[in-house]
Protein backbone atom coordinates (compact mmCIF):
# COMPACT_ATOMS: atom_id res chain seq x y z
CA UNK A 1 66.11 6.33 -41.41
CA UNK A 2 69.34 5.65 -43.42
CA UNK A 3 69.23 2.65 -45.74
CA UNK A 4 72.56 1.16 -46.85
CA UNK A 5 73.16 -1.22 -49.59
CA UNK A 6 74.16 -4.22 -47.35
CA UNK A 7 71.76 -6.97 -46.49
CA UNK A 8 71.71 -5.89 -42.83
CA UNK A 9 68.62 -4.84 -40.99
CA UNK A 10 69.14 -3.16 -37.55
CA UNK A 11 66.41 -2.45 -35.16
CA UNK A 12 65.81 -1.80 -31.57
CA UNK A 13 63.16 -3.55 -29.49
CA UNK A 14 62.40 -3.84 -25.80
CA UNK A 15 65.01 -6.27 -24.34
CA UNK A 16 62.29 -8.45 -22.63
CA UNK A 17 60.48 -8.81 -25.97
CA UNK A 18 63.73 -9.74 -27.62
CA UNK A 19 64.39 -12.47 -25.10
CA UNK A 20 60.72 -13.73 -25.40
CA UNK A 21 61.02 -13.77 -29.12
CA UNK A 22 64.40 -15.59 -29.16
CA UNK A 23 62.95 -18.28 -26.72
CA UNK A 24 59.67 -18.73 -28.83
CA UNK A 25 61.46 -19.28 -32.18
CA UNK A 26 64.03 -21.57 -30.60
CA UNK A 27 61.12 -23.72 -29.28
CA UNK A 28 59.80 -23.83 -32.86
CA UNK A 29 63.27 -25.08 -33.95
CA UNK A 30 64.14 -21.91 -35.78
CA UNK A 31 66.74 -19.21 -35.48
CA UNK A 32 65.50 -15.62 -35.28
CA UNK A 33 67.01 -15.00 -38.91
CA UNK A 34 64.99 -18.05 -40.27
CA UNK A 35 61.82 -16.76 -38.50
CA UNK A 36 62.39 -13.26 -39.80
CA UNK A 37 62.96 -14.38 -43.35
CA UNK A 38 59.85 -16.42 -43.19
CA UNK A 39 57.87 -13.49 -42.12
CA UNK A 40 59.36 -11.26 -44.88
CA UNK A 41 58.47 -13.91 -47.52
CA UNK A 42 54.98 -14.31 -46.28
CA UNK A 43 54.36 -10.49 -46.08
CA UNK A 44 55.73 -9.89 -49.53
CA UNK A 45 53.75 -12.69 -50.94
CA UNK A 46 50.66 -11.38 -49.37
CA UNK A 47 51.35 -7.82 -50.69
CA UNK A 48 51.81 -9.15 -54.22
CA UNK A 49 48.41 -10.76 -54.09
CA UNK A 50 46.72 -7.58 -52.83
CA UNK A 51 44.99 -5.41 -55.30
CA UNK A 52 42.93 -2.34 -54.55
CA UNK A 53 42.79 -3.17 -50.98
CA UNK A 54 41.50 -6.71 -51.43
CA UNK A 55 43.48 -9.79 -50.79
CA UNK A 56 43.47 -12.80 -53.12
CA UNK A 57 45.71 -14.80 -50.86
CA UNK A 58 44.34 -17.89 -49.06
CA UNK A 59 46.26 -16.88 -45.96
CA UNK A 60 44.21 -13.64 -45.58
CA UNK A 61 45.01 -10.03 -46.04
CA UNK A 62 48.60 -8.53 -45.51
CA UNK A 63 49.00 -6.85 -42.17
CA UNK A 64 47.83 -3.20 -42.27
CA UNK A 65 49.50 -0.29 -40.54
CA UNK A 66 46.93 -0.87 -37.65
CA UNK A 67 48.07 -4.35 -37.13
CA UNK A 68 51.73 -3.77 -37.14
CA UNK A 69 53.37 -2.42 -33.86
CA UNK A 70 53.45 1.32 -33.79
CA UNK A 71 56.94 2.76 -34.03
CA UNK A 72 58.61 5.56 -32.18
CA UNK A 73 61.70 7.64 -33.16
CA UNK A 74 64.37 7.82 -30.46
CA UNK A 75 66.60 10.82 -29.89
CA UNK A 76 69.23 9.62 -32.31
CA UNK A 77 66.60 9.05 -34.99
CA UNK A 78 66.48 5.25 -34.58
CA UNK A 79 63.17 3.53 -34.96
CA UNK A 80 61.86 1.12 -32.29
CA UNK A 81 58.76 -0.66 -31.71
CA UNK A 82 56.35 1.06 -29.21
CA UNK A 83 56.00 -1.23 -26.03
CA UNK A 84 52.66 -1.86 -24.50
């Protein structure tokens, strides 16, 4: 997947999951951007506290590839989350 120098991240997800996520974060008083940046911060913090596969974070281990939604490549080489 191409990676430009801008600060933009573009991804495709199931439209119903997108709607559900927007509603959920709005109920929590957040925007999708605020929620995403919080997730990024937490993920990177957890990764920086992980050494040799062991987490030293009080929040538990960082998500592994088995806990992150599987991804599929579409015809035009875009990546999207695999729906259940």
